[in-house]
N, C-alpha and C. Protein backbone atom coordinates (compact mmCIF):
# COMPACT_ATOMS: atom_id res chain seq x y z
N MET A 1 -14.72 -37.93 -76.77
CA MET A 1 -14.64 -36.69 -77.50
C MET A 1 -13.16 -36.37 -77.74
N SER A 2 -12.72 -35.11 -77.56
CA SER A 2 -11.33 -34.83 -77.89
C SER A 2 -10.75 -33.68 -77.08
N VAL A 3 -9.44 -33.72 -76.99
CA VAL A 3 -8.68 -32.63 -76.35
C VAL A 3 -8.40 -31.61 -77.43
N ARG A 4 -8.74 -30.35 -77.16
CA ARG A 4 -8.61 -29.28 -78.15
C ARG A 4 -7.42 -28.38 -77.81
N GLN A 5 -6.99 -27.59 -78.76
CA GLN A 5 -5.95 -26.60 -78.54
C GLN A 5 -6.50 -25.47 -77.68
N LEU A 6 -5.63 -24.91 -76.83
CA LEU A 6 -6.00 -23.75 -76.01
C LEU A 6 -5.61 -22.46 -76.72
N HIS A 7 -6.46 -21.47 -76.63
CA HIS A 7 -6.14 -20.13 -77.11
C HIS A 7 -5.46 -19.39 -75.97
N LEU A 8 -4.36 -18.72 -76.29
CA LEU A 8 -3.55 -18.04 -75.29
C LEU A 8 -3.74 -16.53 -75.34
N LEU A 9 -3.26 -15.86 -74.29
CA LEU A 9 -3.31 -14.41 -74.19
C LEU A 9 -2.91 -13.78 -75.52
N GLY A 10 -3.73 -12.89 -76.02
CA GLY A 10 -3.50 -12.25 -77.31
C GLY A 10 -4.47 -12.73 -78.38
N SER A 11 -5.04 -13.92 -78.19
CA SER A 11 -6.01 -14.43 -79.14
C SER A 11 -7.29 -13.59 -79.04
N PRO A 12 -7.76 -13.04 -80.15
CA PRO A 12 -8.94 -12.16 -80.11
C PRO A 12 -10.18 -12.80 -79.49
N VAL A 13 -10.37 -14.11 -79.64
CA VAL A 13 -11.58 -14.77 -79.12
C VAL A 13 -11.67 -14.67 -77.60
N LEU A 14 -10.53 -14.51 -76.92
CA LEU A 14 -10.56 -14.41 -75.45
C LEU A 14 -11.16 -13.08 -74.98
N ARG A 15 -11.18 -12.09 -75.85
CA ARG A 15 -11.73 -10.77 -75.49
C ARG A 15 -13.14 -10.56 -76.04
N GLN A 16 -13.68 -11.58 -76.64
CA GLN A 16 -15.00 -11.51 -77.24
C GLN A 16 -16.05 -11.97 -76.23
N ARG A 17 -17.20 -11.27 -76.20
CA ARG A 17 -18.32 -11.78 -75.41
C ARG A 17 -18.92 -12.93 -76.18
N ALA A 18 -18.99 -14.09 -75.56
CA ALA A 18 -19.50 -15.29 -76.23
C ALA A 18 -20.99 -15.16 -76.51
N HIS A 19 -21.42 -15.80 -77.59
CA HIS A 19 -22.82 -15.77 -78.02
C HIS A 19 -23.66 -16.76 -77.20
N GLU A 20 -24.90 -16.36 -76.92
CA GLU A 20 -25.84 -17.23 -76.22
C GLU A 20 -26.08 -18.51 -77.01
N VAL A 21 -26.32 -19.59 -76.30
CA VAL A 21 -26.67 -20.86 -76.91
C VAL A 21 -28.19 -20.86 -77.07
N ALA A 22 -28.65 -20.92 -78.31
CA ALA A 22 -30.09 -20.86 -78.57
C ALA A 22 -30.78 -22.18 -78.26
N ARG A 23 -30.07 -23.30 -78.51
CA ARG A 23 -30.69 -24.60 -78.34
C ARG A 23 -29.64 -25.57 -77.81
N TYR A 24 -30.01 -26.31 -76.79
CA TYR A 24 -29.11 -27.33 -76.25
C TYR A 24 -29.27 -28.58 -77.10
N ASP A 25 -28.24 -28.86 -77.92
CA ASP A 25 -28.34 -29.97 -78.86
C ASP A 25 -27.07 -30.83 -78.79
N ASP A 26 -26.94 -31.77 -79.72
CA ASP A 26 -25.78 -32.67 -79.72
C ASP A 26 -24.48 -31.91 -79.90
N GLY A 27 -24.50 -30.81 -80.64
CA GLY A 27 -23.30 -29.99 -80.81
C GLY A 27 -22.83 -29.39 -79.50
N VAL A 28 -23.77 -28.94 -78.67
CA VAL A 28 -23.42 -28.39 -77.36
C VAL A 28 -22.92 -29.51 -76.44
N LYS A 29 -23.58 -30.67 -76.49
CA LYS A 29 -23.12 -31.81 -75.69
C LYS A 29 -21.69 -32.19 -76.05
N ALA A 30 -21.38 -32.20 -77.34
CA ALA A 30 -20.01 -32.53 -77.79
C ALA A 30 -19.03 -31.46 -77.33
N LEU A 31 -19.43 -30.20 -77.38
CA LEU A 31 -18.58 -29.11 -76.91
C LEU A 31 -18.29 -29.26 -75.42
N VAL A 32 -19.30 -29.59 -74.63
CA VAL A 32 -19.11 -29.81 -73.19
C VAL A 32 -18.12 -30.95 -72.96
N ALA A 33 -18.27 -32.04 -73.69
CA ALA A 33 -17.35 -33.17 -73.55
C ALA A 33 -15.92 -32.76 -73.91
N ASP A 34 -15.76 -31.99 -74.99
CA ASP A 34 -14.43 -31.51 -75.37
C ASP A 34 -13.85 -30.59 -74.30
N LEU A 35 -14.69 -29.75 -73.71
CA LEU A 35 -14.21 -28.85 -72.64
C LEU A 35 -13.71 -29.66 -71.45
N TYR A 36 -14.48 -30.67 -71.04
CA TYR A 36 -14.04 -31.51 -69.93
C TYR A 36 -12.74 -32.24 -70.27
N ASP A 37 -12.66 -32.83 -71.46
CA ASP A 37 -11.45 -33.56 -71.85
C ASP A 37 -10.23 -32.64 -71.85
N THR A 38 -10.39 -31.45 -72.42
CA THR A 38 -9.29 -30.49 -72.51
C THR A 38 -8.90 -29.98 -71.12
N MET A 39 -9.90 -29.64 -70.30
CA MET A 39 -9.64 -29.14 -68.95
C MET A 39 -8.86 -30.18 -68.15
N ARG A 40 -9.31 -31.41 -68.20
CA ARG A 40 -8.64 -32.47 -67.43
C ARG A 40 -7.23 -32.73 -67.94
N ALA A 41 -7.05 -32.78 -69.26
CA ALA A 41 -5.73 -33.02 -69.83
C ALA A 41 -4.76 -31.89 -69.46
N ALA A 42 -5.28 -30.67 -69.36
CA ALA A 42 -4.44 -29.51 -69.02
C ALA A 42 -4.32 -29.33 -67.51
N LYS A 43 -4.99 -30.18 -66.75
CA LYS A 43 -4.98 -30.15 -65.28
C LYS A 43 -5.53 -28.82 -64.73
N GLY A 44 -6.65 -28.39 -65.31
CA GLY A 44 -7.31 -27.18 -64.85
C GLY A 44 -8.51 -27.50 -63.99
N VAL A 45 -9.15 -26.45 -63.46
CA VAL A 45 -10.37 -26.61 -62.67
C VAL A 45 -11.58 -25.97 -63.37
N GLY A 46 -11.34 -25.42 -64.55
CA GLY A 46 -12.43 -24.84 -65.32
C GLY A 46 -11.94 -24.51 -66.71
N LEU A 47 -12.89 -24.41 -67.64
CA LEU A 47 -12.55 -24.05 -69.01
C LEU A 47 -13.79 -23.51 -69.70
N ALA A 48 -13.62 -22.39 -70.40
CA ALA A 48 -14.70 -21.78 -71.16
C ALA A 48 -14.50 -22.05 -72.64
N ALA A 49 -15.60 -22.08 -73.38
CA ALA A 49 -15.54 -22.42 -74.80
C ALA A 49 -14.63 -21.49 -75.59
N ASN A 50 -14.61 -20.19 -75.25
CA ASN A 50 -13.74 -19.31 -76.03
C ASN A 50 -12.27 -19.62 -75.82
N GLN A 51 -11.92 -20.32 -74.74
CA GLN A 51 -10.53 -20.72 -74.53
C GLN A 51 -10.11 -21.81 -75.52
N ILE A 52 -11.07 -22.45 -76.16
CA ILE A 52 -10.74 -23.40 -77.23
C ILE A 52 -11.21 -22.87 -78.58
N GLY A 53 -11.45 -21.56 -78.63
CA GLY A 53 -11.76 -20.90 -79.90
C GLY A 53 -13.21 -20.90 -80.32
N VAL A 54 -14.11 -21.23 -79.41
CA VAL A 54 -15.54 -21.28 -79.73
C VAL A 54 -16.26 -20.19 -78.92
N ALA A 55 -16.76 -19.19 -79.60
CA ALA A 55 -17.38 -18.05 -78.91
C ALA A 55 -18.85 -18.32 -78.59
N ARG A 56 -19.09 -19.34 -77.76
CA ARG A 56 -20.43 -19.68 -77.30
C ARG A 56 -20.43 -19.69 -75.78
N ARG A 57 -21.54 -19.37 -75.16
CA ARG A 57 -21.63 -19.27 -73.70
C ARG A 57 -21.74 -20.65 -73.07
N VAL A 58 -20.63 -21.37 -73.12
CA VAL A 58 -20.54 -22.72 -72.57
C VAL A 58 -19.22 -22.82 -71.83
N ALA A 59 -19.28 -23.37 -70.61
CA ALA A 59 -18.06 -23.57 -69.81
C ALA A 59 -18.29 -24.76 -68.89
N VAL A 60 -17.20 -25.24 -68.31
CA VAL A 60 -17.27 -26.29 -67.30
C VAL A 60 -16.36 -25.91 -66.15
N ALA A 61 -16.67 -26.44 -64.98
CA ALA A 61 -15.82 -26.24 -63.80
C ALA A 61 -15.88 -27.51 -62.97
N ALA A 62 -14.77 -27.82 -62.31
CA ALA A 62 -14.71 -29.01 -61.47
C ALA A 62 -13.79 -28.73 -60.29
N ALA A 63 -14.36 -28.79 -59.10
CA ALA A 63 -13.58 -28.58 -57.87
C ALA A 63 -14.37 -29.16 -56.71
N ASP A 64 -13.65 -29.50 -55.66
CA ASP A 64 -14.29 -30.00 -54.44
C ASP A 64 -15.22 -31.19 -54.74
N ASP A 65 -14.77 -32.08 -55.62
CA ASP A 65 -15.53 -33.28 -56.00
C ASP A 65 -16.88 -32.98 -56.65
N LYS A 66 -16.99 -31.82 -57.27
CA LYS A 66 -18.24 -31.47 -57.94
C LYS A 66 -17.90 -30.93 -59.34
N GLU A 67 -18.65 -31.38 -60.34
CA GLU A 67 -18.49 -30.89 -61.69
C GLU A 67 -19.74 -30.11 -62.09
N VAL A 68 -19.51 -29.00 -62.80
CA VAL A 68 -20.61 -28.11 -63.16
C VAL A 68 -20.54 -27.79 -64.64
N VAL A 69 -21.64 -27.96 -65.34
CA VAL A 69 -21.77 -27.53 -66.73
C VAL A 69 -22.45 -26.17 -66.70
N LEU A 70 -21.88 -25.22 -67.43
CA LEU A 70 -22.40 -23.86 -67.46
C LEU A 70 -22.76 -23.49 -68.90
N VAL A 71 -24.05 -23.49 -69.21
CA VAL A 71 -24.53 -23.08 -70.52
C VAL A 71 -25.44 -21.88 -70.29
N ASN A 72 -25.10 -20.76 -70.92
CA ASN A 72 -25.81 -19.49 -70.70
C ASN A 72 -25.93 -19.19 -69.20
N PRO A 73 -24.81 -19.25 -68.46
CA PRO A 73 -24.89 -19.06 -67.00
C PRO A 73 -25.12 -17.61 -66.61
N VAL A 74 -25.87 -17.45 -65.51
CA VAL A 74 -26.12 -16.14 -64.93
C VAL A 74 -25.95 -16.27 -63.42
N ILE A 75 -25.07 -15.46 -62.85
CA ILE A 75 -24.91 -15.46 -61.39
C ILE A 75 -26.10 -14.71 -60.80
N VAL A 76 -26.85 -15.39 -59.91
CA VAL A 76 -28.04 -14.78 -59.31
C VAL A 76 -27.82 -14.41 -57.84
N GLU A 77 -26.81 -14.98 -57.21
CA GLU A 77 -26.48 -14.63 -55.82
C GLU A 77 -24.97 -14.73 -55.62
N MET A 78 -24.44 -13.79 -54.82
CA MET A 78 -23.04 -13.80 -54.45
C MET A 78 -22.94 -13.41 -52.98
N ASP A 79 -22.13 -14.17 -52.22
CA ASP A 79 -21.96 -13.87 -50.80
C ASP A 79 -20.48 -13.92 -50.45
N GLY A 80 -20.10 -13.09 -49.49
CA GLY A 80 -18.75 -13.12 -48.96
C GLY A 80 -17.73 -12.59 -49.95
N GLN A 81 -16.51 -12.55 -49.49
CA GLN A 81 -15.41 -12.06 -50.32
C GLN A 81 -14.14 -12.74 -49.84
N GLU A 82 -13.33 -13.22 -50.78
CA GLU A 82 -12.04 -13.76 -50.43
C GLU A 82 -11.05 -13.43 -51.53
N VAL A 83 -9.81 -13.28 -51.13
CA VAL A 83 -8.73 -13.04 -52.08
C VAL A 83 -7.86 -14.28 -52.08
N ALA A 84 -7.58 -14.80 -53.27
CA ALA A 84 -6.74 -15.99 -53.39
C ALA A 84 -6.00 -15.94 -54.72
N GLU A 85 -4.94 -16.72 -54.79
CA GLU A 85 -4.15 -16.77 -56.02
C GLU A 85 -4.94 -17.46 -57.11
N GLU A 86 -4.85 -16.89 -58.30
CA GLU A 86 -5.59 -17.41 -59.44
C GLU A 86 -4.66 -17.46 -60.64
N GLY A 87 -4.88 -18.43 -61.49
CA GLY A 87 -4.16 -18.55 -62.74
C GLY A 87 -5.16 -18.87 -63.83
N CYS A 88 -4.65 -19.12 -65.03
CA CYS A 88 -5.54 -19.37 -66.16
C CYS A 88 -4.82 -20.24 -67.17
N LEU A 89 -5.52 -21.24 -67.70
CA LEU A 89 -4.92 -22.11 -68.71
C LEU A 89 -4.54 -21.32 -69.97
N SER A 90 -5.18 -20.19 -70.21
CA SER A 90 -4.88 -19.37 -71.38
C SER A 90 -3.75 -18.37 -71.14
N ILE A 91 -3.28 -18.30 -69.90
CA ILE A 91 -2.16 -17.42 -69.56
C ILE A 91 -1.21 -18.23 -68.69
N PRO A 92 -0.55 -19.23 -69.27
CA PRO A 92 0.26 -20.14 -68.47
C PRO A 92 1.38 -19.45 -67.70
N GLU A 93 1.63 -19.97 -66.52
CA GLU A 93 2.72 -19.55 -65.63
C GLU A 93 2.54 -18.16 -65.03
N ILE A 94 1.39 -17.55 -65.17
CA ILE A 94 1.12 -16.23 -64.59
C ILE A 94 0.04 -16.40 -63.53
N PHE A 95 0.32 -15.88 -62.32
CA PHE A 95 -0.61 -16.00 -61.20
C PHE A 95 -0.70 -14.67 -60.49
N ALA A 96 -1.87 -14.39 -59.91
CA ALA A 96 -2.05 -13.16 -59.12
C ALA A 96 -3.18 -13.37 -58.13
N ASP A 97 -3.15 -12.60 -57.05
CA ASP A 97 -4.25 -12.62 -56.08
C ASP A 97 -5.43 -11.86 -56.65
N VAL A 98 -6.60 -12.51 -56.61
CA VAL A 98 -7.82 -11.93 -57.17
C VAL A 98 -8.93 -12.05 -56.13
N GLY A 99 -9.69 -10.99 -55.95
CA GLY A 99 -10.84 -11.02 -55.07
C GLY A 99 -12.05 -11.58 -55.79
N ARG A 100 -12.72 -12.51 -55.14
CA ARG A 100 -13.94 -13.11 -55.69
C ARG A 100 -14.92 -13.36 -54.56
N ALA A 101 -16.18 -13.56 -54.90
CA ALA A 101 -17.19 -13.96 -53.92
C ALA A 101 -16.84 -15.36 -53.41
N GLU A 102 -17.09 -15.61 -52.13
CA GLU A 102 -16.82 -16.93 -51.54
C GLU A 102 -17.88 -17.96 -51.93
N HIS A 103 -19.09 -17.48 -52.19
CA HIS A 103 -20.21 -18.37 -52.49
C HIS A 103 -21.03 -17.76 -53.63
N VAL A 104 -21.42 -18.59 -54.59
CA VAL A 104 -22.26 -18.11 -55.69
C VAL A 104 -23.39 -19.09 -55.94
N VAL A 105 -24.47 -18.55 -56.46
CA VAL A 105 -25.57 -19.35 -56.99
C VAL A 105 -25.72 -18.92 -58.45
N VAL A 106 -25.73 -19.92 -59.33
CA VAL A 106 -25.77 -19.65 -60.77
C VAL A 106 -26.97 -20.34 -61.37
N GLU A 107 -27.67 -19.62 -62.22
CA GLU A 107 -28.72 -20.24 -63.03
C GLU A 107 -28.06 -20.63 -64.34
N THR A 108 -28.20 -21.89 -64.72
CA THR A 108 -27.51 -22.41 -65.90
C THR A 108 -28.31 -23.55 -66.51
N THR A 109 -27.90 -23.96 -67.67
CA THR A 109 -28.45 -25.16 -68.28
C THR A 109 -27.47 -26.29 -67.98
N ASP A 110 -27.97 -27.40 -67.48
CA ASP A 110 -27.09 -28.50 -67.07
C ASP A 110 -26.82 -29.46 -68.23
N ALA A 111 -26.13 -30.54 -67.94
CA ALA A 111 -25.73 -31.52 -68.96
C ALA A 111 -26.91 -32.23 -69.62
N GLU A 112 -28.08 -32.17 -69.02
CA GLU A 112 -29.28 -32.77 -69.62
C GLU A 112 -30.13 -31.75 -70.37
N GLY A 113 -29.67 -30.52 -70.42
CA GLY A 113 -30.40 -29.48 -71.12
C GLY A 113 -31.49 -28.82 -70.31
N LYS A 114 -31.49 -29.01 -68.99
CA LYS A 114 -32.51 -28.41 -68.11
C LYS A 114 -31.95 -27.16 -67.44
N ARG A 115 -32.80 -26.15 -67.29
CA ARG A 115 -32.39 -24.93 -66.58
C ARG A 115 -32.44 -25.22 -65.09
N VAL A 116 -31.31 -25.00 -64.39
CA VAL A 116 -31.20 -25.33 -62.98
C VAL A 116 -30.42 -24.23 -62.26
N ARG A 117 -30.47 -24.30 -60.93
CA ARG A 117 -29.62 -23.44 -60.10
C ARG A 117 -28.54 -24.31 -59.49
N VAL A 118 -27.31 -23.81 -59.53
CA VAL A 118 -26.15 -24.52 -59.01
C VAL A 118 -25.46 -23.62 -58.00
N GLU A 119 -25.08 -24.20 -56.86
CA GLU A 119 -24.35 -23.44 -55.84
C GLU A 119 -22.91 -23.90 -55.80
N GLY A 120 -22.04 -22.95 -55.48
CA GLY A 120 -20.64 -23.28 -55.31
C GLY A 120 -20.02 -22.40 -54.26
N SER A 121 -19.09 -22.97 -53.51
CA SER A 121 -18.35 -22.23 -52.50
C SER A 121 -16.86 -22.50 -52.70
N GLY A 122 -16.04 -21.63 -52.14
CA GLY A 122 -14.60 -21.84 -52.18
C GLY A 122 -14.06 -21.90 -53.59
N LEU A 123 -13.24 -22.94 -53.87
CA LEU A 123 -12.59 -23.07 -55.17
C LEU A 123 -13.60 -23.22 -56.30
N LEU A 124 -14.69 -23.94 -56.07
CA LEU A 124 -15.70 -24.09 -57.12
C LEU A 124 -16.33 -22.74 -57.45
N ALA A 125 -16.65 -21.94 -56.44
CA ALA A 125 -17.21 -20.60 -56.68
C ALA A 125 -16.23 -19.75 -57.48
N ARG A 126 -14.96 -19.82 -57.12
CA ARG A 126 -13.92 -19.06 -57.83
C ARG A 126 -13.85 -19.50 -59.30
N ALA A 127 -13.86 -20.81 -59.53
CA ALA A 127 -13.78 -21.33 -60.89
C ALA A 127 -15.00 -20.90 -61.72
N ILE A 128 -16.18 -20.98 -61.14
CA ILE A 128 -17.40 -20.56 -61.84
C ILE A 128 -17.30 -19.09 -62.24
N GLN A 129 -16.90 -18.24 -61.31
CA GLN A 129 -16.79 -16.80 -61.61
C GLN A 129 -15.73 -16.54 -62.68
N HIS A 130 -14.61 -17.24 -62.60
CA HIS A 130 -13.53 -17.09 -63.56
C HIS A 130 -14.01 -17.47 -64.97
N GLU A 131 -14.74 -18.59 -65.07
CA GLU A 131 -15.21 -19.05 -66.38
C GLU A 131 -16.30 -18.14 -66.95
N ILE A 132 -17.19 -17.64 -66.11
CA ILE A 132 -18.21 -16.70 -66.59
C ILE A 132 -17.53 -15.42 -67.06
N ASP A 133 -16.48 -14.98 -66.36
CA ASP A 133 -15.71 -13.84 -66.85
C ASP A 133 -15.20 -14.11 -68.27
N HIS A 134 -14.64 -15.30 -68.50
CA HIS A 134 -14.16 -15.64 -69.84
C HIS A 134 -15.27 -15.48 -70.87
N LEU A 135 -16.46 -15.94 -70.54
CA LEU A 135 -17.58 -15.85 -71.48
C LEU A 135 -17.96 -14.41 -71.78
N ASP A 136 -17.58 -13.50 -70.88
CA ASP A 136 -17.83 -12.06 -71.08
C ASP A 136 -16.62 -11.34 -71.66
N GLY A 137 -15.56 -12.08 -72.00
CA GLY A 137 -14.36 -11.48 -72.57
C GLY A 137 -13.46 -10.83 -71.53
N ILE A 138 -13.61 -11.24 -70.27
CA ILE A 138 -12.82 -10.69 -69.16
C ILE A 138 -11.80 -11.73 -68.71
N LEU A 139 -10.56 -11.30 -68.54
CA LEU A 139 -9.51 -12.17 -68.03
C LEU A 139 -9.24 -11.84 -66.57
N PHE A 140 -8.68 -12.80 -65.82
CA PHE A 140 -8.41 -12.53 -64.40
C PHE A 140 -7.45 -11.36 -64.24
N LEU A 141 -6.62 -11.10 -65.23
CA LEU A 141 -5.71 -9.95 -65.17
C LEU A 141 -6.47 -8.62 -65.11
N ASP A 142 -7.69 -8.60 -65.62
CA ASP A 142 -8.52 -7.40 -65.58
C ASP A 142 -9.02 -7.10 -64.17
N ARG A 143 -8.89 -8.06 -63.27
CA ARG A 143 -9.39 -7.92 -61.89
C ARG A 143 -8.29 -7.56 -60.90
N ILE A 144 -7.11 -7.24 -61.41
CA ILE A 144 -6.02 -6.81 -60.52
C ILE A 144 -5.64 -5.38 -60.87
N GLY A 145 -4.82 -4.77 -60.05
CA GLY A 145 -4.41 -3.38 -60.26
C GLY A 145 -3.62 -3.19 -61.55
N PRO A 146 -3.66 -1.97 -62.10
CA PRO A 146 -3.01 -1.73 -63.39
C PRO A 146 -1.49 -1.89 -63.38
N ILE A 147 -0.83 -1.55 -62.30
CA ILE A 147 0.62 -1.67 -62.25
C ILE A 147 1.04 -3.14 -62.27
N LYS A 148 0.39 -3.94 -61.41
CA LYS A 148 0.70 -5.37 -61.38
C LYS A 148 0.32 -6.03 -62.70
N ARG A 149 -0.82 -5.63 -63.27
CA ARG A 149 -1.26 -6.19 -64.56
C ARG A 149 -0.21 -5.91 -65.65
N ARG A 150 0.27 -4.68 -65.74
CA ARG A 150 1.27 -4.34 -66.76
C ARG A 150 2.54 -5.18 -66.58
N ARG A 151 2.96 -5.36 -65.32
CA ARG A 151 4.17 -6.15 -65.05
C ARG A 151 3.97 -7.61 -65.45
N LEU A 152 2.83 -8.19 -65.08
CA LEU A 152 2.56 -9.59 -65.42
C LEU A 152 2.44 -9.81 -66.92
N VAL A 153 1.78 -8.88 -67.62
CA VAL A 153 1.64 -9.00 -69.07
C VAL A 153 3.01 -8.87 -69.73
N ALA A 154 3.83 -7.94 -69.24
CA ALA A 154 5.19 -7.79 -69.78
C ALA A 154 6.00 -9.06 -69.54
N ASP A 155 5.89 -9.64 -68.34
CA ASP A 155 6.59 -10.89 -68.04
C ASP A 155 6.13 -12.00 -68.98
N TYR A 156 4.82 -12.09 -69.20
CA TYR A 156 4.27 -13.12 -70.08
C TYR A 156 4.80 -12.94 -71.50
N LYS A 157 4.73 -11.69 -72.00
CA LYS A 157 5.19 -11.43 -73.37
C LYS A 157 6.67 -11.74 -73.53
N LYS A 158 7.46 -11.41 -72.53
CA LYS A 158 8.90 -11.69 -72.58
C LYS A 158 9.14 -13.20 -72.63
N ALA A 159 8.43 -13.94 -71.78
CA ALA A 159 8.59 -15.40 -71.73
C ALA A 159 8.10 -16.08 -73.01
N HIS A 160 7.20 -15.44 -73.73
CA HIS A 160 6.60 -16.05 -74.92
C HIS A 160 6.93 -15.28 -76.20
N LYS A 161 8.01 -14.51 -76.18
CA LYS A 161 8.35 -13.67 -77.33
C LYS A 161 8.62 -14.47 -78.60
N ASP A 162 9.05 -15.70 -78.45
CA ASP A 162 9.35 -16.52 -79.62
C ASP A 162 8.17 -17.37 -80.09
N ASP A 163 7.05 -17.27 -79.41
CA ASP A 163 5.86 -18.02 -79.82
C ASP A 163 5.38 -17.52 -81.18
N THR A 164 4.87 -18.41 -81.98
CA THR A 164 4.44 -18.05 -83.33
C THR A 164 2.92 -18.08 -83.49
N GLY A 165 2.22 -17.78 -82.47
CA GLY A 165 0.76 -17.76 -82.56
C GLY A 165 0.14 -17.79 -81.19
N TYR A 166 -1.17 -17.95 -81.17
CA TYR A 166 -1.91 -17.91 -79.92
C TYR A 166 -2.53 -19.26 -79.56
N LEU A 167 -2.00 -20.34 -80.10
CA LEU A 167 -2.56 -21.65 -79.83
C LEU A 167 -1.54 -22.52 -79.11
N LYS A 168 -2.04 -23.37 -78.22
CA LYS A 168 -1.17 -24.29 -77.48
C LYS A 168 -1.79 -25.68 -77.54
N ASP A 169 -0.99 -26.63 -77.98
CA ASP A 169 -1.44 -28.02 -77.95
C ASP A 169 -1.32 -28.56 -76.54
N ILE A 170 -2.29 -29.35 -76.13
CA ILE A 170 -2.23 -30.04 -74.85
C ILE A 170 -1.75 -31.45 -75.15
N ILE A 171 -0.63 -31.81 -74.56
CA ILE A 171 -0.06 -33.12 -74.80
C ILE A 171 -0.68 -34.11 -73.81
N VAL A 172 -1.28 -35.14 -74.35
CA VAL A 172 -1.91 -36.17 -73.52
C VAL A 172 -1.05 -37.42 -73.62
N PRO A 173 -0.58 -37.94 -72.47
CA PRO A 173 0.22 -39.17 -72.51
C PRO A 173 -0.58 -40.31 -73.16
N GLU A 174 0.14 -41.19 -73.83
CA GLU A 174 -0.47 -42.34 -74.50
C GLU A 174 -1.42 -43.08 -73.57
N GLY A 175 -2.67 -43.24 -73.99
CA GLY A 175 -3.65 -43.99 -73.21
C GLY A 175 -4.34 -43.18 -72.13
N ALA A 176 -3.83 -41.99 -71.79
CA ALA A 176 -4.38 -41.22 -70.69
C ALA A 176 -5.77 -40.69 -70.97
N ALA A 177 -6.06 -40.33 -72.20
CA ALA A 177 -7.36 -39.75 -72.55
C ALA A 177 -8.50 -40.69 -72.21
N LYS A 178 -8.26 -41.98 -72.28
CA LYS A 178 -9.30 -42.95 -71.98
C LYS A 178 -9.67 -42.99 -70.51
N ALA A 179 -8.78 -42.49 -69.66
CA ALA A 179 -9.02 -42.51 -68.22
C ALA A 179 -10.01 -41.41 -67.81
N TYR A 180 -10.23 -40.45 -68.68
CA TYR A 180 -11.13 -39.35 -68.34
C TYR A 180 -12.53 -39.78 -68.65
């Protein structure tokens, strides 16, 4: 498949609630493959479709040697609470401590188009919650206090004041894409 451009903070699609996937078809399979390729090339642990400009409820996450496809995901159970540093491929170089559930159970459609329940703990649970937030138009910055959020957004805008848009190309070293 292919590595896609990332949409960055300020891109309207990041604040949009993604549309439900009505049918799991070849187009969704290709989108999942593109999400995995882009996530891996960008060295992330998760990626939602709206981060590549597609407002559909599709995301992927990979952590703790487990990969998860999330199509129309719904969190059905959450346990525990932990605070850990979080970042986002759409908000490069910005990190903050965010509280999330330690363990989640998600009802989702898997890579074969079947409705299943998937469990995740630790980093995988955090990635799943982060990506589902993206599908709802929520950024991790929305989960921190307003003073810290304003400072981080100001820092981001200052660092990116010369940027001419909301898209970022992911540079893949020659031959590297084939390794994914």
